[in-house]
């Protein structure tokens, strides 16, 4: 493997000149710069990233801690983060919290020890002392999808209130009146927010949300199955189960089928967080879609702004209802496939920017 001394010898310059070229220092002549770059190319020289980080105090590396890598929503989010970071000259190290605060803190601690330039996090809860300390110490950080209230950290998320209202209006129009929800963890902002949005939307149509129609889940499939089993055991089961994420919706579907029942003939099903699989289930599942790719890209741009000294901004993008056939819809509603606008290096015109 070629060294910096080999490059200097090949180019006929000093090691210091090679270093200045590689660090884009303006004091190098055009001729010397050309010779050094030609030598780098000819020898296949690769600068030592660790040594460079010690000199520049930057690693050009971002950390991303997501809540559950098995959740297709977060898989898509991670991919969009990695693509945008690469386009901006950064690499990404990903940690999977698996919806566990202890694993979240393990990954955050490890990433900080590796001297990443900034951190993207979808918090599993709001009480981690490590997260609070990292944010308050000035570590460049952006929350994505979920957030911790009271911290001066930009938040990139979708607003599902209007889409949840659209869903309830859609269900009401189909004649459904007994609507239940499988909620996410109350320790997460999205868990609390989706239940409250659902409750408010029901109230707008004069419908109540009794406690027996609130199933407590954890954003994973097995909890969706357990909650749906409890709904089906009620003397008056709900007509619709709304799962607050895609994995809990799949668990709910399993529970319905295990009883020999059919969606939507015996009970309707809807979900928050649309995924490509939903168009292939029988029946295709009505869902609320988030602009996942754009959320990931916007989160990276906000974090890079903070790292590079520009004022970062919070970004809120609208979610939308995708009606299919799991709630008793008729043929005109199908098929609808999850789609997003093409990737862009600029925020969408629909983006609402505000400080957290």
Protein backbone atom coordinates (compact mmCIF):
# COMPACT_ATOMS: atom_id res chain seq x y z
CA UNK A 1 0.00 0.00 0.00
CA UNK A 2 1.39 3.38 -1.03
CA UNK A 3 2.33 5.89 1.65
CA UNK A 4 2.32 9.68 1.61
CA UNK A 5 6.13 9.54 1.18
CA UNK A 6 5.66 7.44 -1.98
CA UNK A 7 3.27 10.06 -3.35
CA UNK A 8 5.74 12.85 -2.59
CA UNK A 9 8.56 10.97 -4.35
CA UNK A 10 6.38 10.21 -7.38
CA UNK A 11 5.26 13.85 -7.69
CA UNK A 12 8.70 15.30 -6.95
CA UNK A 13 7.47 17.40 -4.04
CA UNK A 14 7.76 17.40 -0.26
CA UNK A 15 5.52 15.41 2.07
CA UNK A 16 4.24 18.75 3.40
CA UNK A 17 3.13 19.75 -0.10
CA UNK A 18 1.25 16.47 -0.54
CA UNK A 19 -0.47 17.06 2.80
CA UNK A 20 -1.50 20.57 1.77
CA UNK A 21 -2.94 19.29 -1.52
CA UNK A 22 -4.91 16.53 0.21
CA UNK A 23 -6.30 19.06 2.69
CA UNK A 24 -7.16 21.49 -0.13
CA UNK A 25 -4.83 24.20 1.18
CA UNK A 26 -4.79 27.27 -1.11
CA UNK A 27 -1.02 27.87 -0.87
CA UNK A 28 -0.10 25.14 -3.39
CA UNK A 29 0.70 26.02 -7.00
CA UNK A 30 -1.50 24.64 -9.77
CA UNK A 31 1.42 22.65 -11.21
CA UNK A 32 2.29 21.01 -7.89
CA UNK A 33 -1.38 20.24 -7.22
CA UNK A 34 -1.69 18.57 -10.63
CA UNK A 35 1.41 16.44 -10.08
CA UNK A 36 0.33 15.36 -6.59
CA UNK A 37 -3.16 14.37 -7.72
CA UNK A 38 -1.71 12.44 -10.67
CA UNK A 39 0.64 10.59 -8.27
CA UNK A 40 -2.26 9.81 -5.91
CA UNK A 41 -4.19 8.34 -8.84
CA UNK A 42 -1.25 6.38 -10.24
CA UNK A 43 -0.30 4.85 -6.87
CA UNK A 44 -3.85 4.29 -5.63
CA UNK A 45 -3.01 6.20 -2.46
CA UNK A 46 -5.74 6.45 0.19
CA UNK A 47 -5.28 8.95 3.04
CA UNK A 48 -5.54 7.55 6.56
CA UNK A 49 -8.98 8.66 7.74
CA UNK A 50 -8.10 8.26 11.42
CA UNK A 51 -4.97 10.38 11.14
CA UNK A 52 -6.82 13.00 9.16
CA UNK A 53 -9.58 13.16 11.78
CA UNK A 54 -6.97 13.83 14.47
CA UNK A 55 -5.66 16.78 12.45
CA UNK A 56 -8.99 18.26 11.38
CA UNK A 57 -11.12 17.21 14.37
CA UNK A 58 -13.64 15.78 11.87
CA UNK A 59 -14.33 12.20 10.80
CA UNK A 60 -16.90 12.95 8.08
CA UNK A 61 -19.01 10.29 9.81
CA UNK A 62 -22.57 10.50 11.11
CA UNK A 63 -24.24 8.20 13.61
CA UNK A 64 -27.80 6.98 13.16
CA UNK A 65 -29.67 5.20 15.96
CA UNK A 66 -33.00 3.81 14.77
CA UNK A 67 -35.70 2.23 16.86
CA UNK A 68 -36.10 -1.10 15.03
CA UNK A 69 -34.14 -2.17 11.95
CA UNK A 70 -36.74 -4.91 11.25
CA UNK A 71 -39.47 -2.31 10.85
CA UNK A 72 -39.67 -1.50 7.11
CA UNK A 73 -40.32 2.16 7.92
CA UNK A 74 -36.97 2.50 9.70
CA UNK A 75 -35.18 0.40 7.08
CA UNK A 76 -36.37 2.84 4.41
CA UNK A 77 -35.45 5.78 6.63
CA UNK A 78 -31.92 4.42 7.16
CA UNK A 79 -31.42 3.92 3.44
CA UNK A 80 -32.44 7.49 2.63
CA UNK A 81 -30.17 8.81 5.41
CA UNK A 82 -27.20 6.86 4.03
CA UNK A 83 -27.85 8.03 0.45
CA UNK A 84 -28.14 11.71 1.40
CA UNK A 85 -25.11 11.56 3.69
CA UNK A 86 -23.03 10.00 0.94
CA UNK A 87 -24.12 12.72 -1.47
CA UNK A 88 -22.89 15.32 1.03
CA UNK A 89 -19.55 13.59 1.63
CA UNK A 90 -20.34 11.75 4.87
CA UNK A 91 -20.44 8.09 5.88
CA UNK A 92 -23.02 6.65 8.30
CA UNK A 93 -22.70 4.16 11.16
CA UNK A 94 -26.07 2.65 12.12
CA UNK A 95 -27.16 1.29 15.50
CA UNK A 96 -30.39 -0.67 16.06
CA UNK A 97 -32.07 0.04 19.42
CA UNK A 98 -34.71 -2.68 18.93
CA UNK A 99 -37.16 -0.44 20.85
CA UNK A 100 -34.98 -0.82 23.98
CA UNK A 101 -33.67 2.25 25.85
CA UNK A 102 -30.63 0.33 27.11
CA UNK A 103 -29.58 -0.64 23.57
CA UNK A 104 -30.22 2.90 22.41
CA UNK A 105 -27.85 4.24 25.06
CA UNK A 106 -25.25 1.59 24.20
CA UNK A 107 -25.22 2.69 20.56
CA UNK A 108 -25.18 6.40 21.41
CA UNK A 109 -22.25 5.91 23.79
CA UNK A 110 -20.33 3.82 21.23
CA UNK A 111 -20.90 6.33 18.44
CA UNK A 112 -19.79 9.26 20.59
CA UNK A 113 -16.66 7.33 21.58
CA UNK A 114 -15.88 6.91 17.87
CA UNK A 115 -15.85 10.70 17.47
CA UNK A 116 -18.67 10.94 14.96
CA UNK A 117 -19.36 14.46 13.70
CA UNK A 118 -23.07 14.33 14.49
CA UNK A 119 -25.90 12.08 15.60
CA UNK A 120 -29.35 11.27 14.23
CA UNK A 121 -31.66 9.55 16.72
CA UNK A 122 -35.20 8.26 16.82
CA UNK A 123 -35.54 8.06 20.63
CA UNK A 124 -37.09 4.97 22.22
CA UNK A 125 -38.11 7.03 25.25
CA UNK A 126 -37.77 10.53 26.66
CA UNK A 127 -35.86 9.87 29.86
CA UNK A 128 -32.39 8.69 28.91
CA UNK A 129 -29.80 10.66 30.95
CA UNK A 130 -27.17 9.90 28.30
CA UNK A 131 -29.31 11.38 25.54
CA UNK A 132 -30.09 14.43 27.64
CA UNK A 133 -26.42 14.95 28.49
CA UNK A 134 -25.32 14.52 24.87
CA UNK A 135 -27.87 17.05 23.65
CA UNK A 136 -27.07 19.59 26.36
CA UNK A 137 -23.31 19.24 25.91
CA UNK A 138 -23.54 20.60 22.39
CA UNK A 139 -23.13 17.36 20.42
CA UNK A 140 -24.57 18.09 16.95
CA UNK A 141 -27.82 16.14 17.02
CA UNK A 142 -31.13 15.89 15.17
CA UNK A 143 -34.17 13.88 16.22
CA UNK A 144 -35.98 12.08 13.41
CA UNK A 145 -39.55 10.68 13.58
CA UNK A 146 -39.61 10.87 17.40
CA UNK A 147 -38.21 13.48 19.75
CA UNK A 148 -37.59 14.42 23.37
CA UNK A 149 -39.53 17.46 24.49
CA UNK A 150 -37.73 20.37 26.13
CA UNK A 151 -34.40 19.98 24.34
CA UNK A 152 -32.95 22.48 21.89
CA UNK A 153 -32.56 19.84 19.19
CA UNK A 154 -34.04 20.11 15.68
CA UNK A 155 -36.80 17.61 14.92
CA UNK A 156 -37.56 16.15 11.49
CA UNK A 157 -40.90 14.36 11.48
CA UNK A 158 -44.23 13.94 9.76
CA UNK A 159 -47.50 15.37 11.01
CA UNK A 160 -50.14 12.65 11.01
CA UNK A 161 -53.03 14.61 12.53
CA UNK A 162 -54.68 15.53 9.23
CA UNK A 163 -54.16 12.03 7.81
CA UNK A 164 -55.66 10.41 10.93
CA UNK A 165 -58.65 12.74 10.62
CA UNK A 166 -58.94 11.73 6.96
CA UNK A 167 -58.86 8.08 7.98
CA UNK A 168 -61.63 8.49 10.55
CA UNK A 169 -63.71 10.44 8.03
CA UNK A 170 -63.13 7.64 5.53
CA UNK A 171 -64.18 4.97 8.05
CA UNK A 172 -67.22 6.97 9.13
CA UNK A 173 -68.25 7.30 5.50
CA UNK A 174 -68.06 3.52 5.15
CA UNK A 175 -70.50 3.18 8.06
CA UNK A 176 -68.08 2.17 10.81
CA UNK A 177 -68.81 3.50 14.31
CA UNK A 178 -66.92 1.26 16.75
CA UNK A 179 -63.26 2.07 16.16
CA UNK A 180 -60.34 0.77 18.24
CA UNK A 181 -56.63 1.59 18.23
CA UNK A 182 -53.49 -0.39 19.00
CA UNK A 183 -51.27 2.31 20.48
CA UNK A 184 -47.51 2.54 20.52
CA UNK A 185 -45.54 2.96 23.76
CA UNK A 186 -46.67 5.93 25.81
CA UNK A 187 -43.00 6.71 26.46
CA UNK A 188 -42.59 7.73 22.80
CA UNK A 189 -43.90 10.93 21.30
CA UNK A 190 -45.35 9.10 18.30
CA UNK A 191 -47.10 6.61 20.58
CA UNK A 192 -48.86 9.39 22.47
CA UNK A 193 -49.47 11.63 19.47
CA UNK A 194 -51.24 9.02 17.33
CA UNK A 195 -53.66 8.05 20.09
CA UNK A 196 -54.51 11.68 20.75
CA UNK A 197 -54.99 12.41 17.05
CA UNK A 198 -57.30 9.38 16.77
CA UNK A 199 -59.29 10.45 19.83
CA UNK A 200 -59.71 13.99 18.49
CA UNK A 201 -60.78 12.75 15.06
CA UNK A 202 -63.38 10.44 16.60
CA UNK A 203 -64.68 13.32 18.70
CA UNK A 204 -65.21 15.40 15.57
CA UNK A 205 -67.75 12.77 14.47
CA UNK A 206 -69.37 12.38 17.87
CA UNK A 207 -67.65 9.05 18.51
CA UNK A 208 -66.02 7.99 21.76
CA UNK A 209 -62.83 6.03 22.36
CA UNK A 210 -63.56 3.84 25.41
CA UNK A 211 -60.62 2.39 27.31
CA UNK A 212 -61.49 -1.15 26.16
CA UNK A 213 -60.90 0.03 22.59
CA UNK A 214 -57.32 1.12 23.35
CA UNK A 215 -54.83 -1.73 23.09
CA UNK A 216 -51.34 -1.11 24.38
CA UNK A 217 -48.62 -2.15 21.97
CA UNK A 218 -44.89 -1.68 21.56
CA UNK A 219 -44.57 -1.07 17.80
CA UNK A 220 -43.83 -4.78 17.24
CA UNK A 221 -45.99 -7.48 15.67
CA UNK A 222 -46.62 -9.69 18.69
CA UNK A 223 -48.13 -6.82 20.66
CA UNK A 224 -50.51 -6.13 17.77
CA UNK A 225 -51.62 -9.72 17.83
CA UNK A 226 -52.22 -9.72 21.60
CA UNK A 227 -54.18 -6.46 21.52
CA UNK A 228 -56.38 -7.69 18.66
CA UNK A 229 -57.09 -10.96 20.46
CA UNK A 230 -58.36 -8.93 23.42
CA UNK A 231 -60.55 -6.83 21.12
CA UNK A 232 -62.05 -9.97 19.57
CA UNK A 233 -62.85 -11.37 23.02
CA UNK A 234 -65.02 -8.36 23.95
CA UNK A 235 -68.78 -8.77 24.17
CA UNK A 236 -69.00 -6.00 21.56
CA UNK A 237 -65.80 -6.09 19.49
CA UNK A 238 -64.81 -3.04 17.46
CA UNK A 239 -65.72 -2.83 13.80
CA UNK A 240 -62.29 -1.43 12.94
CA UNK A 241 -58.82 -1.91 14.40
CA UNK A 242 -56.39 0.92 13.66
CA UNK A 243 -52.80 -0.13 14.35
CA UNK A 244 -50.42 2.75 15.11
CA UNK A 245 -47.62 1.16 13.09
CA UNK A 246 -47.16 -1.38 10.32
CA UNK A 247 -45.74 -4.28 12.36
CA UNK A 248 -48.61 -4.13 14.86
CA UNK A 249 -51.00 -4.15 11.89
CA UNK A 250 -49.44 -7.37 10.62
CA UNK A 251 -49.80 -8.87 14.09
CA UNK A 252 -53.46 -7.80 14.12
CA UNK A 253 -53.99 -9.47 10.75
CA UNK A 254 -52.48 -12.69 12.12
CA UNK A 255 -54.86 -12.61 15.11
CA UNK A 256 -57.92 -12.15 12.89
CA UNK A 257 -56.93 -15.01 10.61
CA UNK A 258 -56.13 -17.29 13.56
CA UNK A 259 -59.78 -16.97 14.64
CA UNK A 260 -60.98 -18.00 11.19
CA UNK A 261 -62.22 -14.47 10.53
CA UNK A 262 -61.77 -12.34 7.44
CA UNK A 263 -60.76 -8.73 6.86
CA UNK A 264 -62.86 -6.70 6.17
CA UNK A 265 -65.93 -8.98 6.25
CA UNK A 266 -65.71 -9.65 10.00
CA UNK A 267 -63.51 -6.80 11.16
CA UNK A 268 -61.78 -3.95 9.31
CA UNK A 269 -58.09 -3.10 9.64
CA UNK A 270 -56.09 0.09 9.01
CA UNK A 271 -52.51 1.05 9.83
CA UNK A 272 -50.18 3.97 10.38
CA UNK A 273 -46.91 3.71 8.38
CA UNK A 274 -47.65 2.36 4.93
CA UNK A 275 -45.21 -0.17 3.50
CA UNK A 276 -44.90 -1.76 0.04
CA UNK A 277 -46.11 -5.12 1.40
CA UNK A 278 -49.56 -3.75 2.19
CA UNK A 279 -50.59 -3.67 -1.46
CA UNK A 280 -49.85 -7.41 -1.68
CA UNK A 281 -51.84 -8.61 1.36
CA UNK A 282 -55.33 -10.04 0.96
CA UNK A 283 -57.03 -7.63 1.11
CA UNK A 284 -54.62 -4.72 0.49
CA UNK A 285 -54.41 -2.70 3.70
CA UNK A 286 -55.62 0.87 4.03
CA UNK A 287 -52.85 2.88 5.64
CA UNK A 288 -51.41 6.28 6.46
CA UNK A 289 -48.19 6.87 4.52
CA UNK A 290 -45.31 8.99 5.76
CA UNK A 291 -42.85 10.64 3.34
CA UNK A 292 -40.12 8.43 4.74
CA UNK A 293 -37.44 9.05 2.14
CA UNK A 294 -37.74 12.81 2.35
CA UNK A 295 -37.71 12.66 6.17
CA UNK A 296 -34.37 10.86 6.06
CA UNK A 297 -32.91 13.28 3.54
CA UNK A 298 -34.15 16.34 5.44
CA UNK A 299 -32.74 14.97 8.71
CA UNK A 300 -29.27 14.62 7.18
CA UNK A 301 -29.39 18.13 5.73
CA UNK A 302 -30.40 19.54 9.11
CA UNK A 303 -27.59 17.68 10.88
CA UNK A 304 -24.96 18.73 8.34
CA UNK A 305 -26.14 22.33 8.70
CA UNK A 306 -25.52 22.06 12.43
CA UNK A 307 -22.11 20.42 11.99
CA UNK A 308 -20.95 22.99 9.45
CA UNK A 309 -22.08 26.01 11.45
CA UNK A 310 -25.31 26.90 9.66
CA UNK A 311 -28.49 27.38 11.71
CA UNK A 312 -30.46 24.11 11.54
CA UNK A 313 -34.23 24.05 11.32
CA UNK A 314 -36.91 21.58 12.31
CA UNK A 315 -38.91 20.12 9.42
CA UNK A 316 -42.48 18.83 9.48
CA UNK A 317 -43.92 17.04 6.45
CA UNK A 318 -47.54 15.89 5.99
CA UNK A 319 -48.58 12.24 6.07
CA UNK A 320 -51.40 11.07 3.79
CA UNK A 321 -54.14 8.47 3.68
CA UNK A 322 -53.83 5.60 1.17
CA UNK A 323 -57.24 3.89 0.89
CA UNK A 324 -57.27 0.28 -0.30
CA UNK A 325 -59.72 -2.54 0.61
CA UNK A 326 -59.18 -3.61 4.21
CA UNK A 327 -61.98 -1.42 5.57
CA UNK A 328 -64.75 -2.44 3.18
CA UNK A 329 -63.87 -0.04 0.37
CA UNK A 330 -65.24 -0.69 -3.08
CA UNK A 331 -63.24 -1.25 -6.25
CA UNK A 332 -62.66 2.45 -7.17
CA UNK A 333 -60.29 2.75 -4.21
CA UNK A 334 -57.88 0.15 -5.57
CA UNK A 335 -55.11 -0.30 -6.37
CA UNK A 336 -53.06 2.35 -4.62
CA UNK A 337 -49.34 1.69 -4.29
CA UNK A 338 -47.10 3.49 -1.81
CA UNK A 339 -45.16 6.13 -3.71
CA UNK A 340 -43.01 9.11 -2.82
CA UNK A 341 -41.87 12.12 -4.80
CA UNK A 342 -38.46 11.63 -6.43
CA UNK A 343 -35.40 12.42 -4.32
CA UNK A 344 -34.39 16.06 -4.27
CA UNK A 345 -31.46 17.93 -2.80
CA UNK A 346 -33.82 20.73 -1.79
CA UNK A 347 -36.65 20.56 0.79
CA UNK A 348 -40.12 19.95 -0.62
CA UNK A 349 -42.32 22.97 -1.26
CA UNK A 350 -44.77 21.40 1.20
CA UNK A 351 -42.16 21.46 3.96
CA UNK A 352 -43.15 23.36 7.07
CA UNK A 353 -40.08 24.62 8.89
CA UNK A 354 -40.13 25.68 12.51
CA UNK A 355 -37.86 25.61 15.50
CA UNK A 356 -38.64 22.85 18.01
